[in-house]
N, C-alpha and C. Protein backbone atom coordinates (compact mmCIF):
# COMPACT_ATOMS: atom_id res chain seq x y z
N MET A 1 121.19 77.43 101.94
CA MET A 1 120.04 77.73 101.20
C MET A 1 119.19 78.91 101.89
N ALA A 2 118.63 79.83 101.29
CA ALA A 2 118.02 80.87 101.73
C ALA A 2 116.53 80.72 102.47
N PRO A 3 116.19 81.34 103.18
CA PRO A 3 114.84 80.81 103.98
C PRO A 3 113.58 80.86 103.17
N LEU A 4 113.90 82.27 101.80
CA LEU A 4 112.43 82.46 101.33
C LEU A 4 112.41 81.55 100.06
N LEU A 5 111.17 81.71 99.92
CA LEU A 5 111.31 80.67 98.54
C LEU A 5 110.01 81.23 97.80
N GLU A 6 109.93 81.42 97.07
CA GLU A 6 108.43 82.81 96.12
C GLU A 6 108.01 81.26 95.55
N ILE A 7 106.89 80.74 95.78
CA ILE A 7 106.35 80.06 95.18
C ILE A 7 105.72 80.68 93.90
N ASP A 8 104.65 81.83 94.10
CA ASP A 8 104.70 82.53 92.76
C ASP A 8 104.53 83.67 92.58
N HIS A 9 104.22 84.23 91.32
CA HIS A 9 104.54 85.17 91.05
C HIS A 9 103.99 86.03 89.57
N ARG A 10 103.31 86.90 89.77
CA ARG A 10 102.55 87.30 88.86
C ARG A 10 103.11 88.81 88.13
N ALA A 11 102.49 89.11 87.07
CA ALA A 11 103.10 90.51 86.80
C ALA A 11 101.67 91.13 85.80
N ASN A 12 100.93 92.49 86.18
CA ASN A 12 100.16 92.83 85.03
C ASN A 12 100.29 94.20 85.78
N GLY A 13 100.07 95.24 84.46
CA GLY A 13 99.45 96.61 84.48
C GLY A 13 100.44 97.35 85.74
N GLY A 14 101.90 97.04 85.02
CA GLY A 14 102.79 97.52 86.52
C GLY A 14 102.42 97.39 87.73
N ILE A 15 101.90 96.48 88.23
CA ILE A 15 101.93 95.65 89.68
C ILE A 15 102.76 94.25 89.34
N ASP A 16 103.88 93.58 90.39
CA ASP A 16 104.18 92.45 90.14
C ASP A 16 102.72 92.49 92.27
N VAL A 17 102.82 91.07 91.86
CA VAL A 17 102.60 90.52 93.63
C VAL A 17 102.95 88.69 92.99
N SER A 18 104.02 88.38 94.32
CA SER A 18 104.72 87.34 94.57
C SER A 18 103.74 87.17 95.89
N LEU A 19 104.05 85.51 95.82
CA LEU A 19 103.99 84.47 96.51
C LEU A 19 104.86 83.67 97.45
N MET A 20 105.32 84.18 98.83
CA MET A 20 106.56 83.58 99.37
C MET A 20 106.30 82.55 100.71
N TRP A 21 107.19 81.88 100.76
CA TRP A 21 107.02 81.39 101.74
C TRP A 21 108.92 81.54 102.43
N ASP A 22 108.08 81.76 103.96
CA ASP A 22 109.69 82.17 104.86
C ASP A 22 109.81 80.89 105.38
N ARG A 23 110.85 79.35 104.97
CA ARG A 23 110.97 78.30 105.63
C ARG A 23 111.55 78.30 106.93
N ALA A 24 111.68 79.60 107.81
CA ALA A 24 112.80 79.45 108.84
C ALA A 24 111.87 80.33 110.03
N ALA A 25 110.16 80.88 109.31
CA ALA A 25 109.35 80.72 110.51
C ALA A 25 108.05 80.44 110.08
N ASP A 26 108.44 79.65 108.42
CA ASP A 26 107.29 79.10 108.25
C ASP A 26 105.72 80.07 108.25
N THR A 27 106.25 80.73 107.38
CA THR A 27 105.16 81.43 107.00
C THR A 27 104.96 82.35 105.49
N LEU A 28 103.54 81.99 105.25
CA LEU A 28 103.21 82.90 103.69
C LEU A 28 103.42 84.08 103.67
N TYR A 29 103.87 84.74 102.85
CA TYR A 29 103.62 86.31 103.03
C TYR A 29 103.30 86.29 101.08
N VAL A 30 102.56 87.54 101.11
CA VAL A 30 101.94 88.43 99.64
C VAL A 30 103.09 89.54 99.79
N GLN A 31 103.55 89.91 98.80
CA GLN A 31 104.11 91.58 97.87
C GLN A 31 103.28 91.66 97.07
N VAL A 32 103.71 92.82 97.23
CA VAL A 32 102.73 93.86 95.35
C VAL A 32 104.06 94.86 95.77
N ILE A 33 103.82 94.99 94.56
CA ILE A 33 104.49 96.41 93.93
C ILE A 33 104.33 96.90 93.07
N ASP A 34 103.29 98.17 93.65
CA ASP A 34 103.33 99.05 92.21
C ASP A 34 104.63 99.96 91.57
N TRP A 35 104.55 99.40 90.53
CA TRP A 35 106.36 100.25 89.73
C TRP A 35 105.29 101.63 89.56
N GLY A 36 104.30 102.20 88.99
CA GLY A 36 103.68 103.40 88.89
C GLY A 36 103.77 104.17 90.26
N THR A 37 103.38 103.46 91.37
CA THR A 37 103.67 104.94 92.71
C THR A 37 104.58 104.19 93.34
N ASP A 38 105.87 104.00 92.92
CA ASP A 38 106.93 103.38 93.96
C ASP A 38 106.63 103.04 94.38
N GLU A 39 105.54 101.71 95.45
CA GLU A 39 105.62 101.52 96.60
C GLU A 39 105.03 100.02 96.14
N ASP A 40 105.32 99.22 97.84
CA ASP A 40 105.36 97.86 97.71
C ASP A 40 104.95 97.54 99.12
N TYR A 41 104.34 96.49 99.17
CA TYR A 41 103.87 96.41 100.61
C TYR A 41 103.55 95.25 101.04
N THR A 42 103.88 94.74 101.87
CA THR A 42 103.59 92.97 102.28
C THR A 42 103.36 92.50 103.67
N PHE A 43 101.90 91.55 103.23
CA PHE A 43 101.43 90.72 104.35
C PHE A 43 101.81 89.62 104.72
N ALA A 44 101.83 89.00 105.93
CA ALA A 44 101.69 87.79 106.12
C ALA A 44 100.42 87.17 105.40
N VAL A 45 100.09 85.75 105.27
CA VAL A 45 99.17 85.47 105.17
C VAL A 45 98.93 83.72 105.53
N ASP A 46 97.82 84.00 106.20
CA ASP A 46 97.56 82.04 106.44
C ASP A 46 97.44 81.24 105.60
N ARG A 47 97.44 80.19 105.09
CA ARG A 47 97.71 78.73 104.37
C ARG A 47 96.08 78.62 103.84
N ASP A 48 95.21 78.96 104.38
CA ASP A 48 93.83 78.81 104.15
C ASP A 48 93.78 79.88 103.26
N HIS A 49 94.39 80.61 103.48
CA HIS A 49 93.71 82.59 102.19
C HIS A 49 94.75 82.61 101.31
N ALA A 50 96.17 81.97 101.41
CA ALA A 50 97.06 82.10 100.64
C ALA A 50 97.05 82.91 98.81
N LEU A 51 96.63 81.57 98.67
CA LEU A 51 95.84 81.53 97.30
C LEU A 51 94.92 82.73 96.56
N ASP A 52 94.50 82.89 97.54
CA ASP A 52 93.10 84.14 97.54
C ASP A 52 93.98 85.30 97.38
N ALA A 53 94.70 85.33 98.54
CA ALA A 53 95.28 86.48 98.46
C ALA A 53 96.17 86.66 98.00
N PHE A 54 97.03 85.98 96.73
CA PHE A 54 97.94 86.28 95.90
C PHE A 54 97.01 86.65 94.99
N ARG A 55 96.21 86.18 94.58
CA ARG A 55 94.56 86.79 93.35
C ARG A 55 94.06 87.77 93.41
N HIS A 56 94.05 88.22 94.71
CA HIS A 56 93.20 89.14 94.92
C HIS A 56 93.64 89.99 96.05
N PRO A 57 95.17 90.43 95.73
CA PRO A 57 95.99 91.71 97.40
C PRO A 57 94.79 92.40 97.99
N PHE A 58 94.68 93.22 97.06
CA PHE A 58 93.58 94.31 97.57
C PHE A 58 92.45 93.88 98.63
N ALA A 59 92.12 92.86 98.12
CA ALA A 59 90.96 92.41 98.84
C ALA A 59 91.33 92.35 100.56
N TYR A 60 92.36 92.93 100.28
CA TYR A 60 93.46 91.72 101.58
C TYR A 60 93.70 93.52 102.81
N ALA A 61 93.47 94.31 101.71
CA ALA A 61 94.19 95.91 102.00
C ALA A 61 93.96 96.28 103.44
N ASP A 62 92.97 96.00 104.24
CA ASP A 62 93.68 95.81 105.79
C ASP A 62 94.30 94.75 106.16
N ARG A 63 95.40 94.55 105.51
CA ARG A 63 96.31 94.11 106.21
C ARG A 63 97.75 93.90 105.96
N LEU A 64 97.87 95.19 104.44
CA LEU A 64 98.64 96.27 104.12
C LEU A 64 99.61 96.79 104.97
N SER A 65 101.24 96.23 104.94
CA SER A 65 102.15 97.29 105.42
C SER A 65 103.34 97.61 105.15
N ARG A 66 103.55 98.47 105.57
CA ARG A 66 104.87 99.13 105.15
C ARG A 66 106.28 98.93 105.95
N HIS A 67 105.56 98.65 107.12
CA HIS A 67 105.99 98.44 108.26
C HIS A 67 106.82 96.55 108.32
N GLU A 68 106.23 95.94 107.44
CA GLU A 68 107.14 94.74 108.08
C GLU A 68 107.75 94.44 106.70
N PRO A 69 108.96 93.41 107.34
CA PRO A 69 109.87 93.72 105.86
C PRO A 69 109.18 92.87 104.50
N ALA A 70 109.85 93.20 103.98
CA ALA A 70 109.68 92.88 102.06
C ALA A 70 111.00 91.98 102.19
N PRO A 71 109.98 90.35 101.78
CA PRO A 71 110.67 89.15 101.98
C PRO A 71 111.39 88.97 100.59
N LEU A 72 110.90 89.90 99.43
CA LEU A 72 111.35 89.53 98.25
C LEU A 72 112.03 91.11 97.84
N ARG A 73 113.55 90.99 97.38
CA ARG A 73 114.17 91.95 96.87
C ARG A 73 113.63 92.37 96.00
N ARG A 74 113.34 93.78 95.70
CA ARG A 74 112.92 94.55 95.04
C ARG A 74 112.93 94.18 93.42
N SER A 75 114.61 94.01 93.44
CA SER A 75 115.92 94.17 91.98
C SER A 75 115.05 92.85 92.07
N LEU A 76 114.86 91.85 92.45
CA LEU A 76 114.19 90.44 91.54
C LEU A 76 112.76 90.94 90.87
N ALA A 77 112.13 91.49 91.49
CA ALA A 77 110.59 91.57 91.28
C ALA A 77 110.87 92.97 89.86
N ARG A 78 111.66 93.70 89.30
CA ARG A 78 111.84 94.42 88.85
C ARG A 78 112.81 93.58 87.78
N GLY A 79 113.72 92.65 87.85
CA GLY A 79 114.04 92.03 86.63
C GLY A 79 112.72 91.38 86.29
N ALA A 80 111.95 90.99 86.89
CA ALA A 80 110.85 90.36 86.38
C ALA A 80 110.02 90.67 85.45
N GLN A 81 109.65 92.52 85.85
CA GLN A 81 109.25 93.17 84.93
C GLN A 81 109.52 93.70 83.76
N THR A 82 110.73 93.42 83.81
CA THR A 82 111.53 94.25 82.42
C THR A 82 111.67 93.04 81.44
N GLY A 83 111.63 91.48 82.21
CA GLY A 83 111.94 90.62 81.92
C GLY A 83 113.16 89.65 81.83
N SER A 84 114.15 90.33 82.46
CA SER A 84 115.54 90.23 82.82
C SER A 84 115.40 88.72 83.40
N ARG A 85 114.74 88.66 84.18
CA ARG A 85 114.92 88.05 85.49
C ARG A 85 115.97 86.72 85.45
């Protein structure tokens, strides 16, 4: 069984946002992919702020990092954007 579970996903205006749970580490992540700039950011978030971070990820911009591993493969998110998921 894969350790990552996508809890929620949304796409709007060329930006995908995913809320994921790493089962092994028991850690929540928010991933933001901006297909217009071809950039993606992932940050860990505590349980108390997970839904807010998912809904408003740019309010958590100080946590955005390209150095943390992106737990969701971009190809899966790209499929969701094009409707082929």
